N, C-alpha and C. Protein backbone atom coordinates (compact mmCIF):
# COMPACT_ATOMS: atom_id res chain seq x y z
N MET A 1 80.38 101.30 112.16
CA MET A 1 81.38 100.33 111.43
C MET A 1 80.77 99.77 110.24
N SER A 2 81.35 100.01 109.13
CA SER A 2 80.77 99.22 108.11
C SER A 2 80.84 97.84 107.96
N LYS A 3 80.06 97.29 107.27
CA LYS A 3 79.88 95.63 107.17
C LYS A 3 81.05 94.82 106.41
N ARG A 4 81.91 95.84 105.90
CA ARG A 4 83.00 95.06 105.37
C ARG A 4 84.04 95.12 106.12
N ALA A 5 83.98 95.84 107.34
CA ALA A 5 85.02 96.34 108.61
C ALA A 5 84.64 95.56 109.49
N GLU A 6 83.67 94.65 109.82
CA GLU A 6 83.15 94.13 110.88
C GLU A 6 84.34 93.01 111.72
N ALA A 7 84.92 92.41 111.12
CA ALA A 7 86.02 91.78 111.95
C ALA A 7 87.40 92.34 111.91
N LEU A 8 87.32 93.61 111.58
CA LEU A 8 88.50 94.36 111.90
C LEU A 8 88.92 94.75 112.85
N VAL A 9 90.30 94.28 113.34
CA VAL A 9 90.68 94.37 114.96
C VAL A 9 91.93 95.59 114.54
N ILE A 10 92.00 96.56 115.57
CA ILE A 10 92.90 97.81 115.32
C ILE A 10 93.82 97.47 116.81
N ARG A 11 94.94 97.35 116.41
CA ARG A 11 95.90 97.04 117.67
C ARG A 11 97.33 97.66 117.47
N LEU A 12 97.86 97.91 118.65
CA LEU A 12 99.51 98.41 118.45
C LEU A 12 100.20 97.17 117.88
N ALA A 13 101.18 98.02 117.20
CA ALA A 13 102.25 97.09 116.14
C ALA A 13 103.07 96.30 117.48
N ARG A 14 103.48 95.29 117.01
CA ARG A 14 104.79 94.65 117.65
C ARG A 14 106.08 95.04 117.14
N LEU A 15 107.23 95.14 118.15
CA LEU A 15 108.28 95.64 117.19
C LEU A 15 108.87 94.18 116.22
N ASP A 16 108.53 92.89 116.54
CA ASP A 16 108.88 91.72 115.55
C ASP A 16 108.14 91.89 114.55
N GLU A 17 107.16 92.83 114.07
CA GLU A 17 106.55 92.68 112.80
C GLU A 17 107.13 93.99 112.14
N ARG A 18 108.14 94.45 112.42
CA ARG A 18 108.70 96.17 111.62
C ARG A 18 108.83 95.56 110.23
N GLU A 19 109.58 94.40 110.03
CA GLU A 19 109.94 94.33 108.69
C GLU A 19 109.02 94.03 107.73
N ALA A 20 107.95 93.32 108.41
CA ALA A 20 106.86 93.08 107.68
C ALA A 20 105.73 94.25 107.07
N LEU A 21 105.72 94.98 108.14
CA LEU A 21 104.97 96.16 107.81
C LEU A 21 105.64 97.16 107.10
N GLU A 22 107.05 97.34 107.05
CA GLU A 22 107.83 97.78 106.10
C GLU A 22 107.32 97.58 104.46
N ALA A 23 107.39 96.27 104.49
CA ALA A 23 107.10 95.46 103.24
C ALA A 23 105.59 95.81 102.80
N LEU A 24 104.87 95.90 103.59
CA LEU A 24 103.30 96.54 103.07
C LEU A 24 103.33 97.74 103.24
N GLN A 25 104.37 98.41 103.54
CA GLN A 25 104.31 100.22 103.05
C GLN A 25 104.93 99.92 101.69
N TRP A 26 105.92 99.24 101.25
CA TRP A 26 106.52 99.35 100.05
C TRP A 26 105.05 99.08 99.08
N ARG A 27 104.76 97.91 99.41
CA ARG A 27 103.48 97.13 98.35
C ARG A 27 102.55 98.46 98.25
N ALA A 28 102.28 99.15 99.24
CA ALA A 28 100.68 100.10 98.94
C ALA A 28 101.58 101.40 98.59
N SER A 29 102.51 101.89 98.74
CA SER A 29 103.36 103.05 98.33
C SER A 29 103.56 102.84 96.61
N LEU A 30 103.89 101.71 96.09
CA LEU A 30 104.29 101.32 94.80
C LEU A 30 103.10 101.04 94.10
N ALA A 31 101.82 100.81 94.63
CA ALA A 31 100.55 100.90 93.91
C ALA A 31 100.02 102.03 93.48
N ASN A 32 100.56 103.06 94.14
CA ASN A 32 100.06 104.20 93.78
C ASN A 32 101.21 104.70 92.64
N GLU A 33 100.67 105.08 91.31
CA GLU A 33 101.39 105.50 90.29
C GLU A 33 102.02 106.73 90.65
N ASN A 34 101.25 107.46 90.96
CA ASN A 34 101.82 109.11 91.10
C ASN A 34 103.14 109.11 92.10
N ASP A 35 102.96 108.05 93.09
CA ASP A 35 104.14 108.12 93.85
C ASP A 35 105.24 106.86 93.17
N ARG A 36 105.38 106.22 92.68
CA ARG A 36 106.09 104.95 92.14
C ARG A 36 107.28 105.64 91.88
N PRO A 37 107.35 106.69 90.76
CA PRO A 37 108.79 107.24 90.17
C PRO A 37 109.60 108.13 91.54
N HIS A 38 109.00 108.74 92.36
CA HIS A 38 109.82 109.16 93.50
C HIS A 38 110.23 108.05 94.32
N LEU A 39 109.46 107.02 94.77
CA LEU A 39 110.10 106.14 95.72
C LEU A 39 111.06 105.32 94.96
N GLU A 40 111.06 104.93 93.75
CA GLU A 40 111.98 103.98 93.07
C GLU A 40 113.27 104.81 93.33
N ALA A 41 113.14 106.46 92.91
CA ALA A 41 114.24 106.88 92.99
C ALA A 41 114.95 107.28 94.37
N HIS A 42 114.07 107.38 95.28
CA HIS A 42 114.33 107.47 96.71
C HIS A 42 114.07 106.33 97.64
N PRO A 43 114.54 105.27 97.72
CA PRO A 43 114.07 104.17 98.40
C PRO A 43 114.24 104.38 100.02
N ASP A 44 115.11 105.21 100.13
CA ASP A 44 115.28 105.59 101.59
C ASP A 44 113.81 105.88 102.28
N ALA A 45 113.00 106.70 101.58
CA ALA A 45 111.70 107.18 101.96
C ALA A 45 110.80 106.01 102.37
N ILE A 46 111.06 104.90 102.38
CA ILE A 46 110.19 103.72 102.85
C ILE A 46 111.07 103.30 104.05
N HIS A 47 110.51 103.74 105.56
CA HIS A 47 111.23 103.37 106.43
C HIS A 47 110.17 103.20 107.85
N LEU A 48 110.24 102.62 108.50
CA LEU A 48 109.28 102.66 109.57
C LEU A 48 110.30 102.46 111.05
N PRO A 49 110.63 103.29 111.31
CA PRO A 49 111.37 103.45 112.72
C PRO A 49 111.01 102.56 113.84
N ALA A 50 112.01 101.42 114.40
CA ALA A 50 111.63 100.89 115.47
C ALA A 50 110.90 101.64 116.95
N GLU A 51 111.71 102.75 116.90
CA GLU A 51 111.34 103.62 117.98
C GLU A 51 109.92 104.34 117.96
N GLN A 52 109.23 104.26 117.06
CA GLN A 52 107.92 104.48 116.66
C GLN A 52 107.26 103.69 117.03
N ILE A 53 107.53 102.20 116.98
CA ILE A 53 106.43 101.11 117.48
C ILE A 53 106.56 101.04 118.93
N GLU A 54 108.31 100.99 119.39
CA GLU A 54 108.12 101.20 120.84
C GLU A 54 107.69 102.49 121.62
N ARG A 55 107.54 103.45 121.11
CA ARG A 55 106.68 104.31 121.43
C ARG A 55 104.91 104.19 121.72
N SER A 56 104.62 102.79 121.06
CA SER A 56 103.18 103.02 120.64
C SER A 56 102.62 103.89 120.02
N GLU A 57 103.34 104.02 118.81
CA GLU A 57 102.64 105.08 117.68
C GLU A 57 102.12 104.54 116.35
N VAL A 58 102.24 103.36 116.16
CA VAL A 58 101.89 102.44 115.20
C VAL A 58 100.92 101.36 115.29
N TYR A 59 99.46 101.84 114.60
CA TYR A 59 98.42 100.95 115.06
C TYR A 59 98.31 100.12 113.64
N VAL A 60 98.15 98.88 113.85
CA VAL A 60 97.78 97.71 112.94
C VAL A 60 96.37 97.33 112.78
N ALA A 61 96.27 97.23 111.39
CA ALA A 61 94.71 96.62 111.18
C ALA A 61 94.76 95.25 110.63
N GLU A 62 94.21 94.15 111.45
CA GLU A 62 94.01 92.82 111.15
C GLU A 62 92.48 92.30 110.96
N LYS A 63 92.52 91.42 110.16
CA LYS A 63 91.10 90.59 109.84
C LYS A 63 91.53 89.03 109.99
N HIS A 64 91.08 88.25 110.97
CA HIS A 64 91.36 87.36 111.17
C HIS A 64 93.06 86.79 111.00
N GLY A 65 93.35 87.33 111.82
CA GLY A 65 94.95 87.26 111.98
C GLY A 65 95.93 87.75 110.81
N LEU A 66 95.21 88.29 109.37
CA LEU A 66 96.05 88.75 108.63
C LEU A 66 96.03 90.41 108.66
N THR A 67 97.51 90.71 108.62
CA THR A 67 97.83 91.93 108.51
C THR A 67 97.39 92.73 107.42
N LEU A 68 96.36 94.13 107.31
CA LEU A 68 96.07 94.53 106.34
C LEU A 68 96.16 95.89 105.78
N GLY A 69 96.72 96.44 107.26
CA GLY A 69 97.48 97.59 106.93
C GLY A 69 97.74 98.43 108.19
N PHE A 70 98.43 99.40 108.19
CA PHE A 70 98.76 100.04 109.48
C PHE A 70 98.84 101.73 109.41
N ALA A 71 98.80 102.51 110.25
CA ALA A 71 98.90 103.50 110.46
C ALA A 71 99.85 104.24 111.46
N ALA A 72 100.64 105.06 111.16
CA ALA A 72 101.52 105.50 112.13
C ALA A 72 101.18 107.02 112.74
N VAL A 73 101.48 107.47 113.82
CA VAL A 73 101.30 109.06 114.45
C VAL A 73 102.47 109.11 115.25
N VAL A 74 102.64 110.52 115.06
CA VAL A 74 103.54 111.33 115.80
C VAL A 74 103.19 112.50 116.56
N GLN A 75 103.57 112.32 118.07
CA GLN A 75 103.12 113.52 118.51
C GLN A 75 104.04 114.62 118.41
N GLU A 76 103.41 115.62 118.22
CA GLU A 76 103.90 117.15 117.83
C GLU A 76 103.54 118.10 119.24
N VAL A 77 104.37 119.21 119.02
CA VAL A 77 103.85 119.79 120.28
C VAL A 77 102.15 120.37 120.64
N ASP A 78 101.66 120.90 119.66
CA ASP A 78 100.60 121.23 119.77
C ASP A 78 99.22 119.96 118.88
N HIS A 79 99.57 119.43 118.39
CA HIS A 79 98.76 117.97 117.81
C HIS A 79 99.41 116.67 117.56
N LEU A 80 98.63 115.82 116.75
CA LEU A 80 99.06 114.53 116.80
C LEU A 80 99.14 114.71 115.28
N GLU A 81 100.12 113.76 114.78
CA GLU A 81 100.14 113.82 113.25
C GLU A 81 100.30 112.55 112.74
N LEU A 82 99.45 112.44 112.04
CA LEU A 82 99.20 111.23 111.10
C LEU A 82 100.17 110.99 110.12
N ASP A 83 101.45 110.33 110.29
CA ASP A 83 102.51 110.38 109.74
C ASP A 83 103.01 109.10 108.48
N GLY A 84 101.31 108.13 108.68
CA GLY A 84 101.75 107.16 107.62
C GLY A 84 100.42 106.67 107.77
N LEU A 85 99.81 106.07 106.69
CA LEU A 85 98.37 105.16 106.56
C LEU A 85 98.70 104.43 105.18
N PHE A 86 98.96 103.25 105.52
CA PHE A 86 99.06 101.89 104.57
C PHE A 86 98.14 100.88 104.73
N VAL A 87 97.77 100.74 103.24
CA VAL A 87 96.60 99.43 103.19
C VAL A 87 97.21 98.60 102.06
N GLU A 88 97.06 97.08 102.27
CA GLU A 88 97.57 96.36 101.06
C GLU A 88 96.54 96.62 99.96
N PRO A 89 97.09 96.99 99.03
CA PRO A 89 96.46 97.44 97.75
C PRO A 89 95.14 96.47 97.06
N ASP A 90 95.17 95.19 97.44
CA ASP A 90 94.02 94.50 97.12
C ASP A 90 93.23 94.54 97.95
N ARG A 91 93.22 95.38 99.46
CA ARG A 91 92.31 95.71 100.00
C ARG A 91 91.59 97.13 100.13
N TRP A 92 92.20 97.91 99.23
CA TRP A 92 92.12 99.28 99.16
C TRP A 92 90.27 99.16 98.95
N ARG A 93 89.74 100.33 99.28
CA ARG A 93 88.58 100.64 99.41
C ARG A 93 87.35 99.64 100.23
N GLN A 94 87.84 99.23 101.27
CA GLN A 94 87.08 98.17 101.78
C GLN A 94 87.08 98.76 103.56
N GLY A 95 87.49 100.30 103.61
CA GLY A 95 87.09 100.52 104.98
C GLY A 95 88.45 100.73 105.80
N ILE A 96 89.42 99.86 105.61
CA ILE A 96 90.64 99.88 106.27
C ILE A 96 91.40 101.08 106.64
N GLY A 97 91.55 101.58 105.46
CA GLY A 97 92.07 102.83 105.84
C GLY A 97 91.59 104.10 106.97
N ALA A 98 89.83 104.11 106.57
CA ALA A 98 89.03 104.80 107.31
C ALA A 98 89.11 104.33 108.72
N ALA A 99 89.21 102.90 108.80
CA ALA A 99 88.93 102.66 110.26
C ALA A 99 90.27 102.91 111.19
N LEU A 100 91.64 102.59 110.37
CA LEU A 100 93.04 103.22 111.11
C LEU A 100 92.90 104.75 111.22
N VAL A 101 92.17 105.54 110.33
CA VAL A 101 92.30 106.97 110.75
C VAL A 101 91.27 107.48 111.91
N GLU A 102 90.43 106.41 112.11
CA GLU A 102 89.43 106.76 113.24
C GLU A 102 90.30 106.43 114.51
N ARG A 103 91.07 105.30 114.23
CA ARG A 103 92.03 105.01 115.65
C ARG A 103 92.78 106.07 115.90
N ALA A 104 93.28 106.95 114.83
CA ALA A 104 94.39 107.67 115.33
C ALA A 104 93.80 109.05 115.65
N ALA A 105 92.44 109.34 115.00
CA ALA A 105 91.69 110.44 115.51
C ALA A 105 91.34 110.15 117.30
N HIS A 106 91.08 108.87 117.39
CA HIS A 106 90.68 108.60 118.92
C HIS A 106 91.67 109.12 119.76
N GLU A 107 93.09 108.43 119.12
CA GLU A 107 93.98 108.85 119.98
C GLU A 107 94.38 110.17 120.37
N ALA A 108 93.92 111.23 118.97
CA ALA A 108 94.29 112.53 119.22
C ALA A 108 93.46 112.90 120.27
N ARG A 109 91.92 112.84 120.37
CA ARG A 109 90.89 113.12 121.12
C ARG A 109 91.49 112.81 122.48
N ARG A 110 91.66 111.63 122.66
CA ARG A 110 92.11 111.27 124.22
C ARG A 110 93.18 112.10 124.65
N ARG A 111 93.82 112.74 123.83
CA ARG A 111 95.10 113.45 123.91
C ARG A 111 94.67 114.98 124.88
N GLY A 112 93.50 115.11 123.73
CA GLY A 112 93.08 116.62 123.66
C GLY A 112 93.77 117.31 122.81
N LEU A 113 94.14 116.49 121.78
CA LEU A 113 94.94 117.21 120.48
C LEU A 113 93.91 117.19 119.08
N THR A 114 94.24 118.00 118.25
CA THR A 114 93.74 117.93 116.87
C THR A 114 94.78 117.05 116.17
N LEU A 115 94.13 116.12 115.26
CA LEU A 115 94.92 115.21 114.22
C LEU A 115 94.99 115.89 113.10
N MET A 116 96.35 116.10 112.74
CA MET A 116 96.70 116.73 111.35
C MET A 116 97.13 115.74 110.48
N VAL A 117 97.24 116.16 109.13
CA VAL A 117 98.15 115.09 108.06
C VAL A 117 98.45 115.88 107.13
N VAL A 118 99.80 115.57 106.22
CA VAL A 118 100.23 116.34 105.35
C VAL A 118 99.91 115.31 104.12
N ALA A 119 98.90 115.45 102.99
CA ALA A 119 98.55 114.63 102.40
C ALA A 119 99.05 114.81 101.06
N ASN A 120 98.82 113.34 100.55
CA ASN A 120 99.30 113.34 99.03
C ASN A 120 98.10 114.07 98.32
N LEU A 121 98.27 114.94 97.35
CA LEU A 121 97.03 115.68 96.52
C LEU A 121 96.14 114.72 96.25
N HIS A 122 96.41 113.70 95.65
CA HIS A 122 95.47 112.64 95.04
C HIS A 122 94.72 111.80 96.43
N ALA A 123 94.81 112.40 97.57
CA ALA A 123 94.03 111.57 98.70
C ALA A 123 93.04 112.58 99.32
N GLN A 124 92.96 113.84 98.71
CA GLN A 124 92.23 114.56 99.52
C GLN A 124 90.87 114.39 99.63
N ALA A 125 90.14 113.73 98.62
CA ALA A 125 88.66 113.11 98.87
C ALA A 125 88.73 112.16 99.83
N PHE A 126 89.66 111.22 99.97
CA PHE A 126 89.92 110.20 101.04
C PHE A 126 89.59 111.02 102.41
N TYR A 127 90.71 111.85 102.51
CA TYR A 127 90.96 112.44 103.70
C TYR A 127 89.53 113.33 104.28
N GLU A 128 88.99 113.84 103.36
CA GLU A 128 87.48 114.69 103.55
C GLU A 128 86.58 113.96 104.00
N ARG A 129 86.48 112.73 103.22
CA ARG A 129 85.55 111.53 103.90
C ARG A 129 85.80 111.28 104.97
N CYS A 130 87.05 111.22 105.82
CA CYS A 130 87.14 110.73 107.06
C CYS A 130 87.14 112.05 107.81
N GLY A 131 86.87 112.95 107.47
CA GLY A 131 86.42 114.19 108.19
C GLY A 131 87.35 115.37 108.49
N PHE A 132 88.38 115.18 107.28
CA PHE A 132 89.25 116.25 107.63
C PHE A 132 89.22 117.49 106.92
N THR A 133 89.54 118.52 107.25
CA THR A 133 89.11 119.97 106.40
C THR A 133 90.59 120.48 105.94
N LEU A 134 90.84 121.15 104.86
CA LEU A 134 91.88 121.41 104.25
C LEU A 134 92.24 122.88 105.22
N GLU A 135 93.61 123.03 105.59
CA GLU A 135 93.98 123.87 106.18
C GLU A 135 94.83 124.78 105.32
N GLY A 136 95.56 124.23 104.30
CA GLY A 136 96.64 124.89 103.55
C GLY A 136 97.34 123.82 102.51
N GLU A 137 98.52 124.53 101.95
CA GLU A 137 99.47 123.66 101.21
C GLU A 137 100.60 123.53 102.22
N ALA A 138 101.32 122.16 102.04
CA ALA A 138 102.63 121.80 102.35
C ALA A 138 103.58 121.74 101.51
N GLN A 139 105.11 121.71 101.65
CA GLN A 139 105.92 121.20 100.78
C GLN A 139 106.45 119.86 101.18
N THR A 140 106.61 118.81 100.48
CA THR A 140 107.35 117.77 100.85
C THR A 140 108.33 117.46 99.75
N ARG A 141 109.36 116.40 100.78
CA ARG A 141 110.37 115.93 99.87
C ARG A 141 110.10 115.36 98.19
N PHE A 142 108.78 115.32 98.13
CA PHE A 142 108.44 115.12 96.58
C PHE A 142 107.48 115.77 96.19
N GLY A 143 107.31 117.02 96.41
CA GLY A 143 106.38 118.26 96.09
C GLY A 143 105.40 118.70 96.49
N PRO A 144 104.26 119.14 95.99
CA PRO A 144 103.18 120.08 96.82
C PRO A 144 102.52 118.70 97.56
N ALA A 145 101.81 119.17 98.59
CA ALA A 145 100.90 118.60 99.62
C ALA A 145 99.91 119.21 100.16
N LEU A 146 98.75 118.63 100.79
CA LEU A 146 97.85 119.41 101.39
C LEU A 146 98.09 119.14 102.92
N ARG A 147 97.76 120.36 103.51
CA ARG A 147 97.93 120.48 105.05
C ARG A 147 96.27 120.24 105.60
N MET A 148 95.94 119.24 106.38
CA MET A 148 94.62 118.67 106.31
C MET A 148 94.41 118.61 108.14
N SER A 149 93.52 118.93 108.60
CA SER A 149 93.01 118.72 109.98
C SER A 149 91.80 118.20 110.16
N ARG A 150 91.74 117.59 111.74
CA ARG A 150 90.14 116.99 112.02
C ARG A 150 90.19 116.95 113.52
C-alpha cells in the first residue's frame, strides 16, 4: 500500500449513508469534463440503489472517519462487474480509487470470478495501472466505452 493510502480503511457501505454517497457520486462525475454534459442532460444516471448496499455490494473508502470514495460491484453469472468507482475530486491521484479497485478484485478472487469493468475511454490508463487488460469495446448509454478485465 502506498504511503498516501496508509490510513485508508475500506469497509462495506451502510444504508444510512446512501444519500451522502450519491452526492459524492455527483461531485466526482461532474468533475469529469467529458461526462458532465451527459449527466446534466440525464440526471437519472446518478443513482445508488439501496438494494446494492443491502446486498453488501458497495465498498467505502474512508480516512480518519471522512468518506473519500466508493466502489460498487454487481454479481453477474460468470464475473463480478465493477459497476461504479467514485472518489472525491480533491482526492484524485492519491491511491484511493486503486485501493477500491483492489478491494473489488479481492472480492472477485474470493468468489472465484474475474473482475470486469466497462470503462470510460478516458479511464483506460488508470484501469491498466490497476491490472486490467482490454477485452474489447462496449456501447453505453452515453457512447463508446472499453470492456476490461482482471
